[in-house]
Amino acid sequence: MNIYQLIANSIKPHWVDLPETPVMEICAFTGEKTLCISRKKVLSSAFTEQPVLACPESQFVSVETFQALKYPKERKSSWLVNEKEFKLLYRLDVRQYVLNGVESAIWAGWATTSYKKHGALRTPINTGEKAVWAFNDILVDCSDNQKVNHTYNKLANYLKAGLSRNTLETLDCPVFVLKKLGIKIWLDFHDWAKSKYKSNLYKFLCYLLPSQEELKAEGWKNPMKK
């Protein structure tokens, strides 16, 4: 099963009418011979993501691919899809699935900050112990749940200690923050993060950190404010 079939099967009640009678051809997206319609019915002349196509010379797309890419929520939200449902996600939902795992035999997860790109073009299918999320234009391997939770908890603790999300992401700390929090917190963080902050997992987990509103709801007080 490919990602387009997985999405199409999960949204079958929302299928739209086909613009033409399908024929047996090679799907440009999957490279598989199946029932297809004309590629121009789903791709405009402005389509520039040729590297995602398994068979770019084909002028056809499968019926499942057409349905998946025509489903509005596939492009305009973060989501989780399995064989039974297509579920829209907020950042908090993504965080919970990343930290706690997904209990599905086959699934795919897409997290986006732009809400403009087709997640289906970037998102791999997971089976078994595999847990790879697509996050904007990168793939993030979250299969090692112990490592994921350890890294997230360390980042969350440094965030609560007063280091901003931007500092966590860039390792660039303003002088006034160093003076306020003390050099020890910064040195401990920098020593731990310097070999990790460019990794896809680190970037993804920084995105998933709680907002200040969430922290305040938990009773957190910002140490940078009097």
Protein backbone atom coordinates (compact mmCIF):
# COMPACT_ATOMS: atom_id res chain seq x y z
CA MET A 1 0.00 0.00 0.00
CA ASN A 2 1.22 3.50 -0.83
CA ILE A 3 0.40 6.76 0.95
CA TYR A 4 -2.19 7.78 -1.64
CA GLN A 5 -4.08 4.51 -1.26
CA LEU A 6 -3.94 4.81 2.52
CA ILE A 7 -5.40 8.31 2.46
CA ALA A 8 -7.97 7.50 -0.24
CA ASN A 9 -9.24 4.44 1.64
CA SER A 10 -9.59 6.43 4.87
CA ILE A 11 -11.63 9.23 3.25
CA LYS A 12 -13.82 7.15 0.93
CA PRO A 13 -17.09 8.80 2.07
CA HIS A 14 -15.60 12.11 0.89
CA TRP A 15 -14.54 11.01 -2.58
CA VAL A 16 -15.39 13.48 -5.33
CA ASP A 17 -16.73 12.57 -8.74
CA LEU A 18 -14.10 11.65 -11.28
CA PRO A 19 -13.78 14.18 -14.11
CA GLU A 20 -13.41 11.41 -16.69
CA THR A 21 -13.62 7.66 -17.12
CA PRO A 22 -10.51 5.97 -15.68
CA VAL A 23 -8.25 3.79 -17.83
CA MET A 24 -5.42 1.38 -17.05
CA GLU A 25 -2.17 3.35 -17.13
CA ILE A 26 1.01 4.00 -15.11
CA CYS A 27 0.51 6.44 -12.24
CA ALA A 28 3.06 9.28 -12.33
CA PHE A 29 3.19 9.39 -8.51
CA THR A 30 3.52 5.69 -7.69
CA GLY A 31 4.86 4.11 -10.87
CA GLU A 32 2.18 1.42 -10.57
CA LYS A 33 -0.16 0.30 -13.34
CA THR A 34 -3.71 0.84 -12.16
CA LEU A 35 -6.91 2.72 -12.95
CA CYS A 36 -5.91 6.28 -13.77
CA ILE A 37 -7.17 9.58 -15.05
CA SER A 38 -5.31 12.33 -16.86
CA ARG A 39 -2.53 13.90 -14.84
CA LYS A 40 -3.64 17.39 -15.82
CA LYS A 41 -6.84 16.84 -13.81
CA VAL A 42 -4.86 17.04 -10.57
CA LEU A 43 -1.58 18.78 -11.45
CA SER A 44 -1.41 22.27 -12.85
CA SER A 45 1.31 23.53 -15.16
CA ALA A 46 2.79 25.29 -12.10
CA PHE A 47 3.63 21.98 -10.40
CA THR A 48 7.37 22.04 -9.69
CA GLU A 49 7.91 19.04 -7.42
CA GLN A 50 8.99 16.61 -10.12
CA PRO A 51 11.40 14.70 -7.80
CA VAL A 52 8.43 13.24 -5.87
CA LEU A 53 7.13 11.51 -8.99
CA ALA A 54 8.01 7.85 -9.42
CA CYS A 55 7.30 8.04 -13.15
CA PRO A 56 7.48 11.71 -14.21
CA GLU A 57 7.05 10.90 -17.90
CA SER A 58 3.57 9.46 -17.28
CA GLN A 59 0.63 11.70 -18.07
CA PHE A 60 -1.70 9.85 -15.71
CA VAL A 61 -2.44 9.63 -11.98
CA SER A 62 -4.22 6.85 -10.14
CA VAL A 63 -7.78 7.28 -8.96
CA GLU A 64 -6.56 6.99 -5.34
CA THR A 65 -3.91 9.65 -5.90
CA PHE A 66 -6.49 11.96 -7.42
CA GLN A 67 -8.83 11.50 -4.44
CA ALA A 68 -6.04 11.94 -1.87
CA LEU A 69 -4.72 15.15 -3.42
CA LYS A 70 -8.18 16.59 -3.98
CA TYR A 71 -9.12 16.14 -0.33
CA PRO A 72 -8.82 19.71 1.06
CA LYS A 73 -7.67 18.73 4.55
CA GLU A 74 -4.69 16.79 3.20
CA ARG A 75 -3.00 20.06 2.33
CA LYS A 76 -4.43 22.51 4.87
CA SER A 77 -3.60 20.87 8.18
CA SER A 78 -1.36 18.49 10.09
CA TRP A 79 -2.79 14.99 10.11
CA LEU A 80 -2.52 11.33 11.03
CA VAL A 81 -3.91 8.66 8.75
CA ASN A 82 -4.38 4.93 9.21
CA GLU A 83 -6.52 2.32 7.48
CA LYS A 84 -9.68 3.53 9.20
CA GLU A 85 -9.49 7.30 9.57
CA PHE A 86 -7.93 10.55 8.48
CA LYS A 87 -7.51 12.68 11.59
CA LEU A 88 -6.68 16.38 11.68
CA LEU A 89 -4.09 17.35 14.29
CA TYR A 90 -3.14 20.43 16.24
CA ARG A 91 0.42 20.81 17.50
CA LEU A 92 -0.55 19.40 20.90
CA ASP A 93 -1.99 16.31 19.17
CA VAL A 94 1.20 15.81 17.17
CA ARG A 95 3.23 16.10 20.38
CA GLN A 96 1.15 13.43 22.10
CA TYR A 97 1.52 10.98 19.21
CA VAL A 98 5.24 11.63 18.87
CA LEU A 99 5.90 11.13 22.59
CA ASN A 100 3.46 8.29 23.22
CA GLY A 101 3.53 6.50 19.89
CA VAL A 102 0.80 5.55 17.43
CA GLU A 103 -1.16 2.35 17.97
CA SER A 104 -1.85 1.41 14.36
CA ALA A 105 -0.44 -1.40 12.23
CA ILE A 106 0.02 0.98 9.31
CA TRP A 107 -0.04 4.77 9.51
CA ALA A 108 1.48 8.04 8.35
CA GLY A 109 1.91 11.37 10.10
CA TRP A 110 2.33 14.87 8.66
CA ALA A 111 3.12 18.03 10.64
CA THR A 112 3.14 21.40 8.93
CA THR A 113 3.65 25.04 9.82
CA SER A 114 2.84 26.43 6.37
CA TYR A 115 -0.51 24.77 5.52
CA LYS A 116 0.24 25.20 1.82
CA LYS A 117 1.97 22.01 0.73
CA HIS A 118 0.65 18.54 -0.02
CA GLY A 119 1.59 16.35 2.94
CA ALA A 120 0.96 13.20 0.90
CA LEU A 121 3.89 14.04 -1.38
CA ARG A 122 6.30 13.98 1.57
CA THR A 123 4.94 11.51 4.12
CA PRO A 124 6.16 7.90 4.34
CA ILE A 125 4.08 4.99 5.60
CA ASN A 126 5.02 3.41 8.93
CA THR A 127 4.64 -0.23 9.90
CA GLY A 128 5.95 -2.26 12.81
CA GLU A 129 8.26 -0.28 15.10
CA LYS A 130 8.94 2.38 12.49
CA ALA A 131 7.78 5.92 13.36
CA VAL A 132 8.90 8.49 10.80
CA TRP A 133 7.05 11.80 10.67
CA ALA A 134 7.13 14.27 7.81
CA PHE A 135 7.64 17.82 9.12
CA ASN A 136 7.46 20.47 6.43
CA ASP A 137 10.33 19.49 4.10
CA ILE A 138 12.19 17.10 6.41
CA LEU A 139 11.67 13.53 7.61
CA VAL A 140 12.04 12.88 11.33
CA ASP A 141 12.75 9.41 12.67
CA CYS A 142 10.94 9.10 16.00
CA SER A 143 11.23 5.31 16.18
CA ASP A 144 13.46 5.38 19.28
CA ASN A 145 10.78 6.46 21.74
CA GLN A 146 13.17 6.55 24.69
CA LYS A 147 15.51 8.91 22.84
CA VAL A 148 12.59 11.05 21.69
CA ASN A 149 11.19 11.49 25.20
CA HIS A 150 14.62 12.08 26.74
CA THR A 151 15.44 14.82 24.22
CA TYR A 152 12.01 16.44 24.50
CA ASN A 153 12.10 16.47 28.30
CA LYS A 154 15.58 18.04 28.32
CA LEU A 155 14.43 20.76 25.93
CA ALA A 156 11.26 21.38 27.94
CA ASN A 157 13.26 21.70 31.15
CA TYR A 158 15.61 24.26 29.60
CA LEU A 159 12.60 26.14 28.23
CA LYS A 160 11.05 26.24 31.70
CA ALA A 161 14.40 27.36 33.12
CA GLY A 162 14.14 30.54 31.03
CA LEU A 163 15.90 29.85 27.72
CA SER A 164 13.71 30.97 24.83
CA ARG A 165 12.59 28.71 22.01
CA ASN A 166 14.80 30.72 19.63
CA THR A 167 17.84 30.13 21.87
CA LEU A 168 17.08 26.43 22.01
CA GLU A 169 16.82 26.31 18.22
CA THR A 170 19.88 28.40 17.36
CA LEU A 171 22.16 28.13 20.42
CA ASP A 172 22.34 31.94 20.31
CA CYS A 173 21.74 33.37 23.78
CA PRO A 174 21.38 37.14 24.41
CA VAL A 175 23.73 38.60 27.02
CA PHE A 176 20.87 39.89 29.19
CA VAL A 177 19.52 36.33 29.45
CA LEU A 178 22.91 35.06 30.60
CA LYS A 179 23.03 37.77 33.25
CA LYS A 180 19.51 37.01 34.42
CA LEU A 181 19.68 33.21 34.51
CA GLY A 182 23.34 32.71 35.25
CA ILE A 183 26.09 31.19 33.14
CA LYS A 184 25.71 27.64 34.50
CA ILE A 185 22.34 26.98 32.88
CA TRP A 186 23.66 28.22 29.55
CA LEU A 187 26.87 26.17 29.70
CA ASP A 188 24.99 23.01 30.70
CA PHE A 189 22.54 23.48 27.85
CA HIS A 190 25.16 24.39 25.25
CA ASP A 191 27.34 21.42 26.15
CA TRP A 192 24.38 19.08 25.75
CA ALA A 193 22.83 20.63 22.63
CA LYS A 194 25.84 21.53 20.48
CA SER A 195 26.03 18.07 18.88
CA LYS A 196 22.25 17.78 18.42
CA TYR A 197 20.71 21.08 17.42
CA LYS A 198 21.13 20.61 13.67
CA SER A 199 19.42 17.22 13.64
CA ASN A 200 15.91 16.80 12.24
CA LEU A 201 14.70 15.25 15.50
CA TYR A 202 15.95 18.20 17.56
CA LYS A 203 14.30 20.72 15.20
CA PHE A 204 11.01 18.83 15.29
CA LEU A 205 10.96 18.55 19.08
CA CYS A 206 11.67 22.27 19.43
CA TYR A 207 8.56 22.90 17.34
CA LEU A 208 6.56 20.60 19.62
CA LEU A 209 7.57 22.32 22.85
CA PRO A 210 4.70 23.83 24.87
CA SER A 211 3.77 27.47 24.35
CA GLN A 212 4.09 29.97 27.17
CA GLU A 213 0.29 29.88 27.46
CA GLU A 214 0.43 26.12 28.08
CA LEU A 215 3.20 26.51 30.62
CA LYS A 216 1.37 29.26 32.47
CA ALA A 217 -1.74 27.08 32.60
CA GLU A 218 0.41 24.53 34.43
CA GLY A 219 1.45 27.17 36.97
CA TRP A 220 4.83 28.00 35.41
CA LYS A 221 6.34 31.40 36.13
CA ASN A 222 8.71 32.89 33.59
CA PRO A 223 12.06 33.41 35.36
CA MET A 224 12.90 36.20 32.90
CA LYS A 225 10.12 38.37 34.31
CA LYS A 226 9.94 39.94 37.74
